[in-house]
Amino acid sequence: MPARDSFHSVMRIGPVQICTHHDRTGRTAHAAVCTADRCGWSADYSSRTAAQLAARTHRCTVR
């Protein structure tokens, strides 16, 4: 049985994608993930505004 796609409301700010999902307790959470090669940065936030701020201020350390 395939896994259910639980991410929705995906948007992109630079190399960072922000999406909405439900965490393991069932609450709505927002994930910010950098899609640049070899960066590996990601974080969960309780509000979409916080995820957008993190995406705007994220700087990849990989060059």
Protein backbone atom coordinates (compact mmCIF):
# COMPACT_ATOMS: atom_id res chain seq x y z
CA MET A 1 0.00 0.00 0.00
CA PRO A 2 1.55 3.35 -1.01
CA ALA A 3 2.13 6.05 1.57
CA ARG A 4 -0.44 8.83 1.63
CA ASP A 5 0.82 12.19 0.38
CA SER A 6 0.16 14.41 3.38
CA PHE A 7 1.89 17.61 2.20
CA HIS A 8 -0.24 20.37 0.71
CA SER A 9 -0.16 24.13 0.11
CA VAL A 10 3.37 23.95 -1.27
CA MET A 11 5.11 27.22 -2.12
CA ARG A 12 8.69 28.12 -2.98
CA ILE A 13 10.84 31.04 -1.79
CA GLY A 14 14.21 30.86 -3.52
CA PRO A 15 15.62 27.34 -3.03
CA VAL A 16 13.37 26.71 0.00
CA GLN A 17 10.02 24.94 -0.28
CA ILE A 18 7.33 25.48 2.37
CA CYS A 19 4.47 23.04 2.82
CA THR A 20 1.68 22.35 5.28
CA HIS A 21 1.26 18.91 6.87
CA HIS A 22 -0.08 17.21 9.98
CA ASP A 23 2.48 16.20 12.61
CA ARG A 24 2.33 12.89 14.47
CA THR A 25 -0.08 14.33 17.06
CA GLY A 26 -2.50 15.46 14.34
CA ARG A 27 -1.81 19.19 14.62
CA THR A 28 -1.15 21.31 11.56
CA ALA A 29 2.54 22.08 11.08
CA HIS A 30 4.56 23.87 8.41
CA ALA A 31 7.84 22.54 7.06
CA ALA A 32 10.56 24.59 5.39
CA VAL A 33 13.06 22.54 3.37
CA CYS A 34 16.03 23.73 1.31
CA THR A 35 16.21 21.93 -2.05
CA ALA A 36 19.77 22.99 -2.92
CA ASP A 37 22.27 20.19 -3.49
CA ARG A 38 24.15 19.12 -0.35
CA CYS A 39 22.44 21.67 1.91
CA GLY A 40 20.18 19.40 3.96
CA TRP A 41 18.49 22.18 5.96
CA SER A 42 14.91 21.64 7.10
CA ALA A 43 12.74 22.71 10.02
CA ASP A 44 9.15 22.45 11.28
CA TYR A 45 7.20 25.48 12.47
CA SER A 46 3.83 25.96 14.12
CA SER A 47 2.86 28.91 11.88
CA ARG A 48 3.21 29.50 8.15
CA THR A 49 4.53 33.01 8.80
CA ALA A 50 7.47 31.63 10.80
CA ALA A 51 8.26 29.16 8.01
CA GLN A 52 8.19 31.96 5.42
CA LEU A 53 10.51 34.11 7.54
CA ALA A 54 12.94 31.21 7.91
CA ALA A 55 12.84 30.62 4.16
CA ARG A 56 13.58 34.27 3.41
CA THR A 57 16.51 34.42 5.83
CA HIS A 58 18.02 30.97 5.04
CA ARG A 59 21.52 31.04 3.57
CA CYS A 60 23.05 27.80 2.30
CA THR A 61 26.50 27.15 3.71
CA VAL A 62 27.42 24.85 0.79
CA ARG A 63 29.21 26.58 -2.08
